[in-house]
Protein backbone atom coordinates (compact mmCIF):
# COMPACT_ATOMS: atom_id res chain seq x y z
CA MET A 1 125.53 55.94 46.15
CA ALA A 2 127.70 53.05 43.94
CA TYR A 3 125.56 51.04 41.32
CA ALA A 4 126.60 47.92 39.98
CA ILE A 5 124.25 47.90 37.16
CA GLU A 6 123.03 51.25 35.34
CA ALA A 7 120.77 51.35 32.20
CA GLU A 8 119.53 54.24 30.47
CA GLY A 9 116.92 54.41 27.46
CA ILE A 10 117.27 50.75 26.37
CA PHE A 11 115.51 49.73 23.12
CA LYS A 12 115.85 46.23 21.49
CA THR A 13 113.59 45.33 18.33
CA PHE A 14 114.08 41.77 16.85
CA ARG A 15 113.07 41.55 13.11
CA SER A 16 112.22 38.24 11.56
CA GLY A 17 110.93 37.29 7.86
CA TRP A 18 112.35 37.61 4.19
CA TRP A 19 109.64 38.83 1.87
CA LYS A 20 107.00 39.81 4.51
CA LYS A 21 109.03 41.50 7.39
CA ARG A 22 108.09 41.45 10.97
CA GLU A 23 109.06 43.24 14.21
CA LYS A 24 108.74 42.22 17.55
CA GLU A 25 109.68 45.49 20.09
CA ALA A 26 110.85 43.74 23.21
CA LEU A 27 112.19 46.65 25.21
CA LYS A 28 110.82 50.17 24.78
CA GLY A 29 113.04 52.66 26.86
CA VAL A 30 114.06 50.78 30.04
CA ASP A 31 115.88 52.61 32.74
CA LEU A 32 117.29 50.62 35.60
CA GLN A 33 119.93 51.26 38.51
CA ILE A 34 120.79 48.56 40.87
CA GLU A 35 123.19 49.33 43.58
CA GLU A 36 126.19 47.07 44.91
CA GLY A 37 125.49 44.01 47.22
CA GLU A 38 121.65 44.31 46.40
CA ILE A 39 119.21 41.62 45.57
CA PHE A 40 117.09 43.21 42.56
CA GLY A 41 114.23 41.35 41.21
CA ILE A 42 112.84 41.78 37.44
CA LEU A 43 109.23 40.41 37.43
CA GLY A 44 106.92 39.88 34.50
CA PRO A 45 105.30 37.68 32.68
CA ASN A 46 106.51 35.56 29.73
CA GLY A 47 106.96 37.66 26.65
CA ALA A 48 107.69 40.94 28.71
CA GLY A 49 111.47 41.32 27.77
CA LYS A 50 113.10 40.04 30.74
CA THR A 51 115.54 37.60 29.20
CA THR A 52 116.23 40.19 26.40
CA LEU A 53 117.03 42.47 29.26
CA LEU A 54 119.25 40.20 31.22
CA SER A 55 121.02 39.30 27.86
CA ILE A 56 121.98 43.07 27.07
CA LEU A 57 123.12 43.77 30.39
CA CYS A 58 125.65 40.81 30.74
CA THR A 59 126.63 41.92 27.39
CA LEU A 60 125.33 38.84 25.07
CA LEU A 61 123.32 40.86 23.27
CA LEU A 62 123.53 44.69 21.74
CA PRO A 63 120.99 46.99 22.30
CA ASP A 64 119.52 49.09 19.30
CA ARG A 65 120.09 52.19 21.28
CA GLY A 66 120.66 53.06 25.08
CA LYS A 67 123.45 52.99 27.64
CA VAL A 68 124.59 50.18 29.75
CA HIS A 69 127.47 50.53 32.50
CA ILE A 70 128.39 47.58 34.56
CA LEU A 71 130.45 48.01 37.74
CA GLY A 72 131.43 51.47 35.93
CA MET A 73 132.48 49.83 32.56
CA ASP A 74 130.93 50.46 29.43
CA GLY A 75 128.81 47.75 28.30
CA MET A 76 129.10 48.80 24.44
CA HIS A 77 132.88 48.63 24.46
CA ASP A 78 134.38 47.13 27.64
CA GLU A 79 132.72 43.60 26.97
CA GLN A 80 135.45 41.52 27.82
CA GLN A 81 136.23 42.92 31.10
CA ILE A 82 132.91 43.01 32.30
CA ARG A 83 132.47 39.09 31.46
CA GLU A 84 135.54 38.44 33.29
CA LYS A 85 133.38 39.85 36.64
CA VAL A 86 129.84 38.81 36.16
CA ASN A 87 128.30 35.14 35.59
CA VAL A 88 124.93 33.88 34.38
CA VAL A 89 122.51 31.35 35.42
CA SER A 90 119.93 30.57 33.03
CA GLY A 91 116.62 28.61 34.21
CA ASN A 92 117.45 25.85 31.79
CA ALA A 93 120.68 24.46 32.90
CA ASN A 94 122.86 23.27 29.83
CA PHE A 95 126.07 21.84 29.88
CA LEU A 96 128.19 19.20 28.10
CA TRP A 97 125.99 16.39 28.35
CA SER A 98 128.43 13.46 28.63
CA LEU A 99 130.92 15.31 31.15
CA THR A 100 130.50 14.68 34.81
CA VAL A 101 130.02 17.05 37.61
CA LYS A 102 133.49 17.53 38.38
CA GLU A 103 134.63 17.56 34.55
CA ASN A 104 132.30 20.03 33.85
CA LEU A 105 133.49 22.39 36.33
CA HIS A 106 136.94 22.23 35.61
CA TYR A 107 135.48 22.77 32.04
CA TYR A 108 134.29 26.30 33.07
CA GLY A 109 137.61 26.81 35.31
CA MET A 110 139.58 26.66 32.20
CA LEU A 111 137.60 28.42 30.17
CA TYR A 112 137.74 31.63 33.03
CA GLY A 113 141.45 31.18 32.77
CA LEU A 114 142.00 29.07 36.16
CA THR A 115 144.79 26.80 36.18
CA GLY A 116 146.50 23.91 38.18
CA LYS A 117 146.00 23.83 41.89
CA GLU A 118 144.13 27.17 41.59
CA ARG A 119 141.46 25.54 40.00
CA GLU A 120 141.40 22.17 41.73
CA THR A 121 140.92 24.23 44.78
CA LYS A 122 138.15 26.45 43.66
CA VAL A 123 136.39 23.22 42.23
CA GLU A 124 136.82 21.45 45.43
CA THR A 125 135.42 24.36 47.13
CA LEU A 126 132.40 24.65 44.95
CA ILE A 127 131.45 20.86 45.23
CA ASP A 128 131.61 21.23 49.26
CA LEU A 129 129.45 24.66 49.24
CA PHE A 130 126.90 22.97 46.95
CA LYS A 131 126.89 19.42 48.65
CA MET A 132 127.64 17.59 45.31
CA LYS A 133 130.48 15.27 46.33
CA GLU A 134 128.19 12.04 45.51
CA TYR A 135 127.48 13.42 42.19
CA LEU A 136 130.95 14.05 40.83
CA ASN A 137 131.08 11.41 38.52
CA ILE A 138 127.81 11.28 37.37
CA PRO A 139 127.47 12.78 33.88
CA PHE A 140 125.26 15.77 33.10
CA ASP A 141 122.68 14.25 31.26
CA GLU A 142 121.83 11.28 34.07
CA LEU A 143 121.31 14.50 36.78
CA SER A 144 117.94 15.50 38.32
CA THR A 145 116.49 18.90 37.28
CA GLY A 146 117.34 20.15 40.69
CA MET A 147 120.84 18.88 40.59
CA LYS A 148 121.73 20.32 37.19
CA GLN A 149 120.39 23.75 38.36
CA ARG A 150 122.59 23.33 41.57
CA LEU A 151 125.54 22.57 39.24
CA SER A 152 124.43 26.07 37.29
CA LEU A 153 124.61 27.69 40.50
CA ALA A 154 128.17 26.18 41.43
CA LYS A 155 129.52 27.00 37.72
CA SER A 156 128.22 30.61 38.15
CA LEU A 157 130.80 31.37 41.05
CA ILE A 158 134.01 29.50 39.41
CA ASN A 159 135.18 32.99 38.90
CA ASP A 160 134.12 34.76 41.78
CA PRO A 161 132.08 37.24 40.21
CA GLU A 162 131.01 40.25 41.43
CA VAL A 163 127.51 40.55 39.54
CA LEU A 164 125.66 37.22 39.20
CA PHE A 165 122.57 37.40 36.60
CA LEU A 166 120.02 34.77 37.30
CA ASP A 167 117.17 34.13 34.61
CA GLU A 168 114.28 32.50 36.05
CA PRO A 169 116.51 30.13 38.21
CA THR A 170 113.55 28.14 39.48
CA VAL A 171 111.36 27.53 36.27
CA GLY A 172 110.05 24.23 36.04
CA LEU A 173 111.42 22.75 39.32
CA ASP A 174 109.41 21.21 41.91
CA PRO A 175 108.04 23.54 44.83
CA GLU A 176 110.51 21.38 47.30
CA VAL A 177 113.64 21.95 44.95
CA SER A 178 112.74 25.44 43.97
CA ILE A 179 112.84 26.49 48.03
CA ARG A 180 116.26 24.84 48.07
CA ILE A 181 117.58 26.72 45.05
CA ARG A 182 116.35 30.02 46.91
CA GLU A 183 117.94 28.97 49.91
CA GLU A 184 121.30 28.30 48.28
CA ILE A 185 121.04 31.61 46.32
CA PHE A 186 120.26 33.57 49.48
CA SER A 187 123.20 31.96 51.25
CA ILE A 188 125.44 32.96 48.26
CA HIS A 189 124.55 36.63 48.63
CA LYS A 190 124.93 36.53 52.46
CA GLN A 191 128.70 34.86 52.21
CA LYS A 192 129.71 36.65 49.13
CA GLY A 193 128.00 39.92 49.48
CA ILE A 194 127.79 39.90 45.42
CA THR A 195 125.01 42.26 43.28
CA ILE A 196 122.34 39.57 42.16
CA LEU A 197 120.03 40.78 39.52
CA LEU A 198 117.09 38.06 39.54
CA THR A 199 114.40 37.57 36.47
CA THR A 200 111.47 35.68 37.75
CA HIS A 201 107.36 35.41 37.05
CA ASN A 202 107.30 33.65 40.39
CA MET A 203 106.00 36.32 42.61
CA LYS A 204 106.57 34.36 46.05
CA GLU A 205 110.49 33.97 44.59
CA ALA A 206 110.68 37.94 44.08
CA GLU A 207 109.12 38.53 47.50
CA ASN A 208 111.52 36.44 49.62
CA LEU A 209 114.69 37.13 47.70
CA CYS A 210 114.59 40.59 46.47
CA GLY A 211 114.77 44.06 48.27
CA ARG A 212 113.80 45.89 45.61
CA ILE A 213 111.51 44.79 42.71
CA ALA A 214 110.87 46.37 39.03
CA PHE A 215 107.80 45.20 36.95
CA LEU A 216 108.41 44.68 33.59
CA LYS A 217 105.34 44.72 31.24
CA GLU A 218 105.58 44.85 27.23
CA GLY A 219 109.37 45.99 27.30
CA ARG A 220 108.59 48.82 29.91
CA ILE A 221 109.16 49.08 33.21
CA VAL A 222 106.04 50.19 35.14
CA THR A 223 107.22 51.01 38.71
CA THR A 224 109.96 49.89 40.95
CA GLY A 225 110.39 49.35 45.04
CA THR A 226 110.15 47.31 47.69
CA ALA A 227 107.34 44.70 48.09
CA GLU A 228 105.76 46.76 50.96
CA ALA A 229 106.25 50.04 48.94
CA LEU A 230 104.56 48.44 45.76
CA LYS A 231 101.49 47.08 48.08
CA ARG A 232 101.03 50.51 49.21
CA MET A 233 101.32 52.01 45.93
CA VAL A 234 98.23 50.02 44.56
CA ARG A 235 96.36 50.47 47.93
CA ILE A 236 96.07 46.76 48.45
CA GLY A 237 97.57 44.66 51.42
CA ASP A 238 96.94 42.17 54.00
CA ARG A 239 93.22 42.67 55.27
CA LEU A 240 92.59 42.50 59.15
CA LYS A 241 89.10 42.09 60.14
CA VAL A 242 88.02 42.79 63.72
CA GLU A 243 84.88 42.09 65.20
CA PHE A 244 84.39 44.63 68.43
CA HIS A 245 82.06 46.51 70.86
CA GLY A 246 82.37 50.17 71.82
CA ARG A 247 83.66 53.09 69.68
CA ILE A 248 86.78 53.09 67.65
CA GLN A 249 89.06 55.87 67.65
CA GLU A 250 89.06 56.79 63.77
CA ASP A 251 91.74 59.42 63.76
CA GLU A 252 94.33 57.42 65.53
CA LEU A 253 93.52 54.60 63.25
CA LEU A 254 93.77 56.63 60.43
CA ARG A 255 97.47 57.93 61.54
CA ALA A 256 98.48 54.55 62.62
CA ASP A 257 101.91 53.26 60.99
CA GLY A 258 101.14 50.82 57.94
CA VAL A 259 97.59 51.47 57.65
CA ILE A 260 96.54 52.24 53.92
CA ASN A 261 92.82 52.09 54.59
CA PHE A 262 89.93 51.15 56.64
CA THR A 263 86.30 50.86 56.90
CA ILE A 264 84.08 50.51 59.97
CA SER A 265 80.54 49.25 59.96
CA ASP A 266 78.54 48.37 62.84
CA SER A 267 80.69 45.92 65.12
CA LEU A 268 83.27 44.80 62.37
CA CYS A 269 86.48 47.16 61.19
CA GLU A 270 88.44 45.99 58.30
CA ILE A 271 91.86 47.71 58.06
CA VAL A 272 94.13 47.25 54.73
CA VAL A 273 97.42 47.28 56.11
CA ASP A 274 100.88 46.88 54.16
CA ASP A 275 102.18 43.99 56.57
CA GLY A 276 99.69 42.46 58.65
CA GLU A 277 102.09 40.25 60.68
CA ARG A 278 103.88 43.29 61.43
CA ARG A 279 101.34 45.61 62.30
CA LEU A 280 98.86 43.50 64.51
CA GLY A 281 99.90 43.84 67.76
CA ASN A 282 100.29 47.66 67.85
CA LEU A 283 96.66 47.78 65.61
CA ILE A 284 95.10 45.41 68.37
CA ALA A 285 96.42 47.81 71.13
CA LEU A 286 95.30 50.87 69.45
CA LEU A 287 91.68 49.42 68.64
CA SER A 288 91.53 48.40 72.31
CA GLN A 289 91.81 52.23 73.59
CA GLY A 290 88.83 53.93 75.49
CA GLY A 291 87.20 50.56 76.36
CA VAL A 292 86.80 48.95 73.00
CA GLN A 293 86.21 45.20 73.46
CA ILE A 294 87.83 42.91 70.85
CA LYS A 295 85.69 39.88 69.88
CA LYS A 296 87.21 38.46 67.05
CA VAL A 297 90.28 39.02 64.89
CA SER A 298 91.39 37.27 61.30
CA LEU A 299 94.08 38.09 59.23
CA GLY A 300 94.02 37.77 55.44
CA GLN A 301 97.42 38.09 53.83
CA THR A 302 98.31 39.24 50.28
CA ASP A 303 101.35 38.84 48.21
CA LEU A 304 103.17 40.21 45.02
CA GLU A 305 100.57 38.13 42.81
CA ASP A 306 97.82 40.63 43.78
CA VAL A 307 100.15 43.51 43.36
CA PHE A 308 101.30 42.12 39.96
CA ILE A 309 97.60 41.73 38.76
CA GLU A 310 97.07 45.88 39.36
CA PHE A 311 99.97 46.51 37.72
CA ALA A 312 99.10 43.90 34.75
CA LYS A 313 95.98 45.89 33.91
CA ASP A 314 95.49 48.33 31.53
CA GLU A 315 97.38 51.95 31.86
CA GLY A 316 95.23 54.42 33.67
CA ASN A 317 94.15 52.09 36.31
CA PRO A 318 92.67 54.52 38.65
CA ASN A 319 94.34 52.11 41.74
CA LEU A 320 98.15 53.32 40.54
CA ASP A 321 99.87 56.39 41.87
CA ARG A 322 102.46 56.28 39.56
């Protein structure tokens, strides 16, 4: 398996104060492996260490101890080579305020060594890709928040990166704008196949974009997995309620794909399932065996927020199978 990003035993403590020194442990032994071409999410509350970890992985910050490899290169010694092959998008886009959209893209193109016709072609391609033609000559400080973030995404592709780091790319945006930004991120990945590491505290964003997700809590990664696997791990999922008449075959239900747990009381069967929409048809067919009459079906869906609440609880929670 080829890994685009590998981190082992990453620790980072921030120290402040002159007379009375204060210490804040931001990262406490983080291990991470992200495959090439993967969209990987790091989910956690504010202050969990997400931005610190991202800054270390993209070589903007040195860890106190630990190892980092990006695209096979050593994060402690090959910083320049790594920076040529990666790019970063912050949730708070910050560009030269007086330069226009086009001027900013040309400026960053020059920083990455693009010259002449090559830079001109690249800028035009990015402007078309992100549909910014009508904003070409508008200064950065006059752009809307959503358009500033779109410019940030365009800038992040100026060097054709192999790894893209996104630090809370939709923070503070309106829901409609956030959806458009997520669509653009997904489109970038689909078209270019680059590895994307996304930090966020937005549950829906992680679930919609990421193949795998790591939960970061107080500087430690609590667990890693797909959204469905994490739901199963904490034994929560979509809840299917079925009112019925007859006798349900409990042994068959227990072995059914996706079933996490179930209870049967009188004429009501409640099933916890990993993905309600995907499993609904097969479960109804299974429940209907043996002459059982289905009277009413309702489906209540859960998302990563419910999972996150479980992982955010104190360690030792009996619901967690670590």
